[in-house]
Protein backbone atom coordinates (compact mmCIF):
# COMPACT_ATOMS: atom_id res chain seq x y z
CA MET A 1 45.26 137.26 117.58
CA ASN A 2 48.33 135.47 116.29
CA ALA A 3 51.50 136.04 118.23
CA GLU A 4 54.51 137.40 116.42
CA PRO A 5 57.40 134.94 116.23
CA SER A 6 60.10 135.62 118.75
CA ALA A 7 63.67 136.47 117.75
CA GLY A 8 64.79 132.96 118.69
CA GLU A 9 62.24 131.22 116.50
CA SER A 10 62.99 130.20 112.93
CA ASP A 11 60.79 129.21 110.01
CA ALA A 12 63.65 127.41 108.22
CA GLU A 13 61.71 124.15 108.39
CA THR A 14 59.00 125.64 106.16
CA ILE A 15 61.35 126.63 103.31
CA ARG A 16 60.67 124.52 100.25
CA TRP A 17 63.64 122.63 98.86
CA GLU A 18 62.95 124.06 95.40
CA ASN A 19 63.30 127.59 96.78
CA PHE A 20 66.49 126.66 98.59
CA VAL A 21 67.91 125.30 95.34
CA LYS A 22 67.03 128.53 93.52
CA PHE A 23 68.71 130.52 96.29
CA VAL A 24 71.92 128.48 96.18
CA ARG A 25 72.13 128.62 92.38
CA GLN A 26 71.48 132.36 92.22
CA LEU A 27 73.92 133.12 95.03
CA SER A 28 76.55 130.92 93.39
CA HIS A 29 76.02 132.66 90.06
CA ASP A 30 76.28 136.15 91.56
CA LEU A 31 79.37 135.41 93.64
CA ARG A 32 81.14 133.60 90.82
CA ASN A 33 80.66 136.63 88.58
CA GLN A 34 82.44 138.75 91.20
CA LEU A 35 85.16 136.14 91.67
CA ASN A 36 85.74 135.97 87.91
CA ALA A 37 86.24 139.72 87.87
CA ALA A 38 88.63 139.48 90.82
CA GLU A 39 90.61 136.74 89.08
CA LEU A 40 90.93 138.85 85.94
CA GLN A 41 92.16 141.77 88.02
CA SER A 42 94.73 139.60 89.77
CA ALA A 43 95.87 138.26 86.39
CA LEU A 44 96.35 141.84 85.17
CA ILE A 45 98.34 142.71 88.27
CA GLY A 46 100.53 139.68 87.66
CA GLU A 47 101.23 140.85 84.11
CA LEU A 48 102.01 144.41 85.15
CA THR A 49 104.23 143.74 88.14
CA THR A 50 107.95 143.41 87.69
CA GLU A 51 108.62 142.32 91.27
CA PRO A 52 109.81 138.68 91.19
CA GLN A 53 108.65 138.13 94.77
CA LEU A 54 105.18 139.41 93.99
CA LYS A 55 104.45 137.18 91.00
CA PRO A 56 104.12 133.88 92.95
CA GLU A 57 101.88 135.65 95.48
CA VAL A 58 99.61 136.86 92.69
CA LEU A 59 99.48 133.32 91.33
CA ARG A 60 98.56 132.07 94.79
CA LEU A 61 95.79 134.68 94.96
CA ARG A 62 94.42 133.54 91.60
CA GLN A 63 94.40 129.93 92.80
CA LEU A 64 92.49 130.87 95.94
CA ILE A 65 89.92 132.82 93.93
CA SER A 66 89.55 129.95 91.46
CA HIS A 67 89.08 127.50 94.32
CA LEU A 68 86.30 129.62 95.82
CA GLY A 69 84.56 129.73 92.46
CA GLY A 70 84.87 125.97 92.15
CA THR A 71 83.40 125.51 95.62
CA LEU A 72 80.35 127.57 94.70
CA GLN A 73 79.91 125.70 91.44
CA HIS A 74 80.11 122.33 93.22
CA LEU A 75 77.46 123.45 95.70
CA ALA A 76 75.14 124.54 92.90
CA VAL A 77 75.58 121.16 91.20
CA ALA A 78 75.05 119.31 94.49
CA VAL A 79 71.54 120.69 95.00
CA THR A 80 70.44 120.49 91.37
CA ALA A 81 68.60 117.44 90.05
CA PRO A 82 71.02 115.26 88.02
CA GLN A 83 70.33 114.84 84.31
CA PRO A 84 72.12 111.67 83.17
CA THR A 85 73.39 111.20 79.63
CA ARG A 86 72.97 107.46 79.30
CA LEU A 87 74.82 104.95 77.20
CA PRO A 88 74.95 101.13 77.17
CA TYR A 89 77.63 99.94 79.55
CA ALA A 90 78.66 96.49 80.71
CA ALA A 91 78.36 96.05 84.47
CA LYS A 92 81.67 94.17 84.49
CA ASP A 93 83.41 97.11 82.81
CA LEU A 94 81.82 99.51 85.28
CA MET A 95 83.23 97.55 88.20
CA GLY A 96 86.66 97.39 86.59
CA ASP A 97 86.67 101.13 85.93
CA LEU A 98 85.48 101.81 89.48
CA GLN A 99 88.34 99.79 90.95
CA LYS A 100 90.82 101.87 88.96
CA LYS A 101 89.09 105.10 89.95
CA ILE A 102 89.18 104.29 93.67
CA ALA A 103 92.83 103.23 93.47
CA ARG A 104 93.66 106.49 91.68
CA GLU A 105 91.73 108.85 93.95
CA PHE A 106 92.44 107.08 97.25
CA PRO A 107 95.87 105.46 96.75
CA ASP A 108 96.46 104.76 100.45
CA GLN A 109 92.99 103.74 101.60
CA SER A 110 92.17 101.68 98.51
CA GLU A 111 94.63 98.99 99.59
CA ARG A 112 92.20 97.85 102.32
CA VAL A 113 89.27 97.31 99.96
CA ASN A 114 88.37 93.69 99.30
CA TRP A 115 86.71 93.44 95.89
CA GLU A 116 84.38 90.61 94.95
CA VAL A 117 82.80 90.69 91.49
CA SER A 118 80.35 88.04 90.31
CA LEU A 119 78.95 89.22 86.99
CA ASN A 120 78.10 87.58 83.70
CA GLY A 121 77.09 89.68 80.70
CA ALA A 122 74.86 92.20 82.46
CA MET A 123 74.38 95.43 80.50
CA LEU A 124 73.36 98.73 82.04
CA ASP A 125 71.86 101.90 80.59
CA ILE A 126 73.68 104.55 82.63
CA ASP A 127 75.67 107.73 82.76
CA PRO A 128 79.05 106.30 83.89
CA SER A 129 80.21 109.67 85.19
CA LEU A 130 77.26 110.08 87.55
CA ILE A 131 77.21 106.45 88.69
CA GLY A 132 80.96 106.61 89.27
CA TRP A 133 80.50 109.79 91.30
CA ALA A 134 77.83 108.18 93.50
CA ALA A 135 79.97 105.10 94.15
CA THR A 136 83.02 107.23 94.92
CA GLU A 137 80.97 109.19 97.44
CA LEU A 138 80.26 105.97 99.33
CA PHE A 139 83.95 105.08 99.41
CA ASP A 140 84.89 108.59 100.50
CA ASN A 141 82.48 108.38 103.44
CA ALA A 142 83.73 104.91 104.36
CA PHE A 143 87.37 105.99 104.37
CA ARG A 144 86.71 109.17 106.36
CA HIS A 145 84.50 107.62 109.03
CA ASN A 146 86.36 104.35 109.60
CA GLY A 147 89.75 103.62 111.09
CA SER A 148 92.78 103.73 108.83
CA SER A 149 93.20 99.95 109.03
CA THR A 150 89.54 98.91 108.91
CA PRO A 151 88.88 96.68 105.88
CA VAL A 152 86.05 97.54 103.51
CA SER A 153 84.33 95.02 101.23
CA ALA A 154 82.93 95.93 97.82
CA HIS A 155 80.71 93.45 95.97
CA GLY A 156 79.20 93.59 92.50
CA ARG A 157 76.60 91.03 91.44
CA GLU A 158 73.45 90.34 89.44
CA LYS A 159 70.15 89.35 91.02
CA ASN A 160 66.60 89.23 89.70
CA GLY A 161 67.32 91.44 86.70
CA GLN A 162 69.19 94.00 88.79
CA PHE A 163 72.81 95.02 89.18
CA ILE A 164 73.71 95.44 92.84
CA PHE A 165 76.85 97.13 94.09
CA ALA A 166 77.25 96.72 97.85
CA LEU A 167 79.78 98.36 100.17
CA HIS A 168 80.21 96.74 103.60
CA GLU A 169 81.78 98.83 106.37
CA PRO A 170 82.57 97.35 109.81
CA LYS A 171 81.81 99.87 112.56
CA THR A 172 82.81 100.17 116.20
CA GLU A 173 79.64 102.06 117.13
CA LYS A 174 75.98 101.76 116.18
CA VAL A 175 74.95 103.67 113.07
CA ASP A 176 71.47 104.94 112.24
CA PRO A 177 71.26 105.30 108.42
CA ALA A 178 67.93 107.14 108.74
CA LYS A 179 69.78 110.16 110.07
CA TRP A 180 71.61 110.46 106.76
CA ASN A 181 68.43 111.04 104.80
CA GLU A 182 68.22 114.66 105.89
CA PRO A 183 70.53 116.99 103.92
CA LEU A 184 72.59 119.56 105.79
CA SER A 185 72.05 117.68 109.05
CA ALA A 186 75.75 117.10 109.74
CA MET A 187 78.29 119.64 108.57
CA THR A 188 81.98 119.99 109.34
CA HIS A 189 84.76 122.07 107.87
CA GLY A 190 84.77 121.36 104.13
CA HIS A 191 81.86 118.89 104.33
CA TYR A 192 78.29 120.07 103.82
CA GLY A 193 76.04 117.03 104.15
CA LEU A 194 74.91 117.00 100.51
CA GLY A 195 76.87 114.14 98.97
CA LEU A 196 74.63 111.24 99.92
CA ARG A 197 71.54 113.18 98.92
CA ARG A 198 73.03 113.74 95.48
CA ALA A 199 74.04 110.08 95.26
CA ARG A 200 70.45 109.04 95.98
CA ALA A 201 69.17 111.51 93.39
CA ILE A 202 71.59 110.09 90.81
CA MET A 203 70.34 106.57 91.46
CA ALA A 204 66.71 107.66 91.26
CA ALA A 205 67.39 109.40 87.94
CA HIS A 206 68.55 106.02 86.60
CA GLY A 207 65.46 104.20 87.85
CA GLY A 208 67.47 102.69 90.70
CA GLU A 209 67.95 103.32 94.39
CA LEU A 210 70.58 103.74 97.08
CA THR A 211 69.87 101.96 100.35
CA SER A 212 71.69 101.74 103.67
CA GLU A 213 71.24 98.95 106.21
CA TRP A 214 72.70 98.47 109.69
CA ASN A 215 73.39 94.92 110.85
CA ALA A 216 73.64 94.94 114.62
CA ASP A 217 74.90 91.33 114.83
CA SER A 218 78.00 91.99 112.71
CA SER A 219 78.22 95.75 113.46
CA THR A 220 78.33 96.40 109.74
CA LEU A 221 76.87 99.19 107.65
CA THR A 222 75.93 98.07 104.15
CA SER A 223 75.18 100.55 101.38
CA ARG A 224 73.68 99.22 98.16
CA MET A 225 73.45 100.85 94.75
CA ILE A 226 70.73 99.00 92.84
CA LEU A 227 70.24 99.50 89.10
CA PRO A 228 67.92 97.79 86.61
CA MET A 229 69.78 95.79 83.99
CA SER A 230 69.28 96.83 80.40
CA SER A 231 67.57 94.61 77.86
CA ALA A 232 70.18 95.64 75.28
CA GLU A 233 72.82 93.10 74.39
CA ALA A 234 76.51 93.79 74.68
CA PRO A 235 78.07 95.19 71.48
CA ALA A 236 79.06 92.29 69.23
CA ALA A 237 82.06 93.92 67.55
CA ALA A 238 85.17 94.38 69.64
CA GLU A 239 85.74 97.89 68.30
CA ASP A 240 82.18 98.86 69.25
CA SER A 241 82.68 97.56 72.77
CA GLU A 242 85.96 99.40 73.14
CA SER A 243 84.42 102.61 71.77
CA VAL A 244 81.60 102.51 74.31
CA ARG A 245 83.98 101.79 77.17
CA GLU A 246 86.38 104.55 76.15
CA GLN A 247 83.50 107.00 76.14
CA GLY A 248 82.51 105.87 79.62
CA GLN A 249 86.08 106.05 80.89
CA ARG A 250 86.33 109.65 79.69
CA GLN A 251 83.27 110.39 81.81
CA LEU A 252 84.85 108.57 84.76
CA GLN A 253 87.82 110.92 84.96
CA PRO A 254 88.92 111.70 88.54
CA ARG A 255 87.66 114.71 90.45
CA LYS A 256 89.86 117.72 89.89
CA ARG A 257 92.23 118.13 92.81
CA SER A 258 94.78 120.75 93.67
CA GLY A 259 97.10 121.65 96.49
CA LEU A 260 94.30 123.70 97.97
CA GLN A 261 91.51 122.31 100.10
CA GLN A 262 89.07 120.25 98.04
CA ILE A 263 85.35 120.72 98.63
CA GLU A 264 83.44 117.64 99.74
CA LEU A 265 79.66 117.44 99.56
CA SER A 266 79.16 114.73 102.15
């Protein structure tokens, strides 16, 4: 006779990831519907009230509700398989755009990044928005988990028909990258342990991979984004090249930030 599981036991390990994804998406959808209704009600209250002291409080309430809805939407996106919209993109342009993106989103920390780019005419077939998101996730982790003055090195190069972006982070303690492969394994306030999983999924969707390697001799953690180079040639006409890059830059717009707490997936 099989024993009944005790109250302290859990079968969470047996839940399929696909079912967990369905749960998160459905819960997010249901709660966002309620939050949308609450935001409409608060907007109506703001229109009806004549109290000058109440109006800013209603606006604050609407911002809080909107932020909660955004948090739920981000979580739903984080667990869903990425579907890249690809376009031809020069690796050199990608690195240049990434430097601007990091400087814009991390104005203080970006000053300690040492960039080294060694690229010729490598072309990629990528979704710049998704690739930019994955790279930004690596920088975000590096800035949060390293000292404020610790330098970080970012390298972009070509090798054996591949584009390799590497981020080198000096560490004061040993790091085991294998522990990062499990989603939801390390959560803190505002951080849910999903960012690196999504970054790996983005790379896989492009036929590439995201690897992490610990070098005990130099106490350095190295993360590599590896992408296959495209066989397509760079656009010959200057206007064509600019058009492609402008389209990619629109996709590489910064994450929406506000005065409220910003959700982080990592």
